[in-house]
Amino acid sequence: MRRPTALLPSWLLSLAACAAVAAFSFGHIDVPMARYFWKIGRFLHPLNKPFGASGILTLESAVVLSLVLARLVRGHISRFAEVLAIACLASICAYGINSLVLKPFFGIPNPTAVLHGAAHALHLWKGSAMSSFPSGHMVLSGAFAGVFMRLYRASTWPLAALLLIAAVLLVVGDWHFLSDVVAGSFLGLSAGALAGETWSAHLGR
């Protein structure tokens, strides 16, 4: 098993790279890209309901509750079920921190607000859970995927492809700016990898 301190330099390098990409996108790409996709985004708005964060959170909560009950009744669950529960919990926790702390802290309006006149700028401690940066959907899905990527290496590329598709849809659908999905993906994957690493250390693997 890798020591956590051995992973720190790679994580810090990734943090610096993602911060640089997000900052460049924020200053030069976000608004022009949102304007470009504005008309296309309207056709994707029906996806709001089936793929809303509340629905995903409800599903994850139901999965965790079911697995906890199965563990209590049967006395054990499979390793895959354990990983699934950890992934759901990491996803729920990461989303909560993002919505209640990070979004209010940065206070960046979403693309719809910006294209209707709001300033695409930081409004520190003036935001809400409805603010745009970082993307809650990418934090939610990235944390879930990060656990599986850490504990099931074969899942890395398929999950990375799904995350990329999700990120593209969020930008094309004008739900988020490019900088939002870059930051959200990094935060989510970091949270998931940390949860997976901690669970692996707990099991001694």
Protein backbone atom coordinates (compact mmCIF):
# COMPACT_ATOMS: atom_id res chain seq x y z
CA MET A 1 0.00 0.00 0.00
CA ARG A 2 1.29 3.46 -0.88
CA ARG A 3 2.06 5.85 1.96
CA PRO A 4 -0.14 8.98 1.89
CA THR A 5 2.94 11.24 2.10
CA ALA A 6 4.22 9.70 -1.15
CA LEU A 7 1.05 10.89 -2.92
CA LEU A 8 1.22 14.48 -1.65
CA PRO A 9 3.67 15.87 -4.27
CA SER A 10 1.56 14.48 -7.12
CA TRP A 11 -1.62 15.89 -5.59
CA LEU A 12 -0.05 19.32 -5.08
CA LEU A 13 1.17 19.33 -8.70
CA SER A 14 -2.33 18.41 -9.88
CA LEU A 15 -3.81 21.14 -7.67
CA ALA A 16 -1.50 23.75 -9.19
CA ALA A 17 -2.31 22.59 -12.73
CA CYS A 18 -6.07 22.60 -12.14
CA ALA A 19 -5.92 26.00 -10.44
CA ALA A 20 -4.00 27.42 -13.40
CA VAL A 21 -6.45 25.97 -15.94
CA ALA A 22 -9.47 27.16 -13.94
CA ALA A 23 -8.00 30.66 -13.54
CA PHE A 24 -7.21 30.96 -17.25
CA SER A 25 -10.66 29.68 -18.18
CA PHE A 26 -12.31 32.09 -15.72
CA GLY A 27 -10.55 35.06 -17.25
CA HIS A 28 -10.62 34.19 -20.95
CA ILE A 29 -12.90 31.28 -21.87
CA ASP A 30 -15.92 30.99 -19.56
CA VAL A 31 -18.16 33.78 -20.80
CA PRO A 32 -17.41 33.47 -24.56
CA MET A 33 -18.04 29.72 -24.35
CA ALA A 34 -21.30 30.22 -22.45
CA ARG A 35 -22.47 32.68 -25.11
CA TYR A 36 -21.53 30.26 -27.88
CA PHE A 37 -23.55 27.40 -26.38
CA TRP A 38 -26.47 29.53 -25.14
CA LYS A 39 -28.97 28.48 -27.83
CA ILE A 40 -27.86 24.84 -27.80
CA GLY A 41 -28.22 24.66 -24.02
CA ARG A 42 -31.96 25.23 -24.15
CA PHE A 43 -32.45 21.84 -25.80
CA LEU A 44 -30.72 20.10 -22.88
CA HIS A 45 -32.76 21.74 -20.13
CA PRO A 46 -35.26 18.82 -19.93
CA LEU A 47 -32.37 16.84 -18.35
CA ASN A 48 -32.63 19.08 -15.28
CA LYS A 49 -35.29 16.95 -13.61
CA PRO A 50 -33.98 13.37 -14.07
CA PHE A 51 -30.35 14.32 -13.39
CA GLY A 52 -30.85 16.95 -10.70
CA ALA A 53 -28.58 16.76 -7.67
CA SER A 54 -31.49 16.14 -5.29
CA GLY A 55 -32.50 13.01 -7.19
CA ILE A 56 -28.95 11.67 -7.26
CA LEU A 57 -28.48 12.39 -3.55
CA THR A 58 -31.75 10.63 -2.76
CA LEU A 59 -30.66 7.58 -4.73
CA GLU A 60 -27.27 7.49 -3.03
CA SER A 61 -28.86 7.81 0.39
CA ALA A 62 -31.24 4.95 -0.40
CA VAL A 63 -28.32 2.78 -1.54
CA VAL A 64 -26.37 3.46 1.66
CA LEU A 65 -29.40 2.77 3.86
CA SER A 66 -30.10 -0.49 2.01
CA LEU A 67 -26.51 -1.64 2.41
CA VAL A 68 -26.45 -0.75 6.11
CA LEU A 69 -29.66 -2.74 6.66
CA ALA A 70 -28.23 -5.67 4.68
CA ARG A 71 -25.10 -5.58 6.85
CA LEU A 72 -27.18 -5.58 10.03
CA VAL A 73 -29.42 -8.43 8.87
CA ARG A 74 -26.87 -10.67 7.19
CA GLY A 75 -23.83 -9.79 9.25
CA HIS A 76 -21.72 -9.06 6.19
CA ILE A 77 -21.82 -7.57 2.69
CA SER A 78 -19.53 -8.09 -0.30
CA ARG A 79 -16.40 -6.03 -0.90
CA PHE A 80 -18.10 -4.39 -3.88
CA ALA A 81 -21.03 -3.41 -1.67
CA GLU A 82 -18.60 -1.89 0.85
CA VAL A 83 -16.94 0.16 -1.87
CA LEU A 84 -20.32 1.24 -3.22
CA ALA A 85 -21.35 2.46 0.23
CA ILE A 86 -18.07 4.36 0.70
CA ALA A 87 -18.45 5.92 -2.76
CA CYS A 88 -21.99 7.10 -2.02
CA LEU A 89 -21.00 8.53 1.37
CA ALA A 90 -17.96 10.30 -0.09
CA SER A 91 -20.16 11.75 -2.83
CA ILE A 92 -22.81 12.99 -0.38
CA CYS A 93 -20.26 14.54 2.00
CA ALA A 94 -18.24 16.22 -0.76
CA TYR A 95 -21.40 17.69 -2.28
CA GLY A 96 -22.49 19.03 1.11
CA ILE A 97 -19.16 20.75 1.76
CA ASN A 98 -19.15 22.22 -1.73
CA SER A 99 -22.72 23.54 -1.48
CA LEU A 100 -22.51 24.88 2.07
CA VAL A 101 -18.93 26.18 2.16
CA LEU A 102 -17.19 26.56 -1.21
CA LYS A 103 -20.04 27.92 -3.32
CA PRO A 104 -21.04 30.54 -0.74
CA PHE A 105 -17.36 31.47 -0.30
CA PHE A 106 -16.61 32.09 -3.99
CA GLY A 107 -20.06 33.47 -4.82
CA ILE A 108 -19.73 33.22 -8.60
CA PRO A 109 -23.05 33.59 -10.50
CA ASN A 110 -24.10 30.80 -12.88
CA PRO A 111 -24.02 31.22 -16.68
CA THR A 112 -27.70 32.16 -16.94
CA ALA A 113 -27.26 34.99 -14.44
CA VAL A 114 -24.07 36.20 -16.11
CA LEU A 115 -25.60 36.20 -19.59
CA HIS A 116 -28.46 38.25 -18.20
CA GLY A 117 -26.15 40.92 -16.83
CA ALA A 118 -24.53 39.64 -13.62
CA ALA A 119 -20.78 40.13 -13.31
CA HIS A 120 -18.66 37.03 -13.87
CA ALA A 121 -16.54 37.73 -10.81
CA LEU A 122 -15.77 36.60 -7.29
CA HIS A 123 -18.23 37.76 -4.64
CA LEU A 124 -16.55 36.36 -1.56
CA TRP A 125 -18.94 35.10 1.13
CA LYS A 126 -21.89 36.48 -0.84
CA GLY A 127 -22.84 33.32 -2.67
CA SER A 128 -25.24 30.49 -1.97
CA ALA A 129 -25.76 26.82 -2.77
CA MET A 130 -27.06 27.99 -6.16
CA SER A 131 -23.79 29.69 -7.09
CA SER A 132 -21.77 28.26 -9.94
CA PHE A 133 -18.22 27.57 -8.73
CA PRO A 134 -17.23 24.76 -8.22
CA SER A 135 -19.70 22.55 -10.06
CA GLY A 136 -21.74 20.54 -7.56
CA HIS A 137 -22.54 17.85 -10.11
CA MET A 138 -18.85 17.29 -10.86
CA VAL A 139 -18.01 17.19 -7.14
CA LEU A 140 -20.84 14.71 -6.63
CA SER A 141 -19.89 12.41 -9.49
CA GLY A 142 -16.13 12.89 -9.12
CA ALA A 143 -16.14 11.81 -5.47
CA PHE A 144 -18.17 8.71 -6.32
CA ALA A 145 -15.87 7.83 -9.22
CA GLY A 146 -12.71 8.60 -7.24
CA VAL A 147 -13.46 5.86 -4.71
CA PHE A 148 -13.86 3.24 -7.43
CA MET A 149 -10.81 4.50 -9.30
CA ARG A 150 -8.72 4.05 -6.15
CA LEU A 151 -10.10 0.64 -5.15
CA TYR A 152 -10.87 -0.84 -8.59
CA ARG A 153 -8.12 0.27 -10.94
CA ALA A 154 -9.81 -1.26 -13.99
CA SER A 155 -12.65 1.23 -13.60
CA THR A 156 -10.40 4.28 -14.07
CA TRP A 157 -10.71 4.82 -17.82
CA PRO A 158 -14.44 4.00 -18.16
CA LEU A 159 -15.29 6.32 -15.25
CA ALA A 160 -12.97 9.02 -16.58
CA ALA A 161 -14.81 8.86 -19.91
CA LEU A 162 -18.18 9.20 -18.15
CA LEU A 163 -16.93 12.17 -16.13
CA LEU A 164 -15.70 13.84 -19.32
CA ILE A 165 -19.13 13.36 -20.94
CA ALA A 166 -20.81 14.82 -17.86
CA ALA A 167 -18.47 17.82 -17.88
CA VAL A 168 -19.12 18.50 -21.57
CA LEU A 169 -22.90 18.30 -21.07
CA LEU A 170 -22.75 20.71 -18.12
CA VAL A 171 -20.85 23.27 -20.21
CA VAL A 172 -22.81 22.80 -23.44
CA GLY A 173 -26.08 22.91 -21.50
CA ASP A 174 -25.05 26.24 -19.91
CA TRP A 175 -25.43 24.86 -16.41
CA HIS A 176 -21.78 25.63 -15.63
CA PHE A 177 -18.73 27.44 -16.89
CA LEU A 178 -15.62 25.50 -17.91
CA SER A 179 -13.77 26.70 -14.79
CA ASP A 180 -16.61 25.31 -12.65
CA VAL A 181 -16.30 21.79 -14.03
CA VAL A 182 -12.49 21.81 -13.86
CA ALA A 183 -12.53 22.79 -10.18
CA GLY A 184 -15.46 20.50 -9.37
CA SER A 185 -13.82 17.51 -11.03
CA PHE A 186 -10.58 18.02 -9.14
CA LEU A 187 -12.30 18.48 -5.79
CA GLY A 188 -14.57 15.49 -6.30
CA LEU A 189 -11.83 13.14 -7.46
CA SER A 190 -9.60 14.28 -4.60
CA ALA A 191 -12.34 13.59 -2.05
CA GLY A 192 -13.07 10.19 -3.58
CA ALA A 193 -9.41 9.20 -3.75
CA LEU A 194 -8.94 10.25 -0.10
CA ALA A 195 -11.97 8.21 0.98
CA GLY A 196 -10.75 5.21 -0.99
CA GLU A 197 -7.23 5.51 0.38
CA THR A 198 -8.55 5.78 3.94
CA TRP A 199 -10.78 2.72 3.52
CA SER A 200 -7.89 0.77 2.00
CA ALA A 201 -5.68 1.71 4.95
CA HIS A 202 -8.46 0.68 7.35
CA LEU A 203 -8.56 -2.76 5.73
CA GLY A 204 -4.77 -3.00 5.61
CA ARG A 205 -4.65 -3.32 1.82
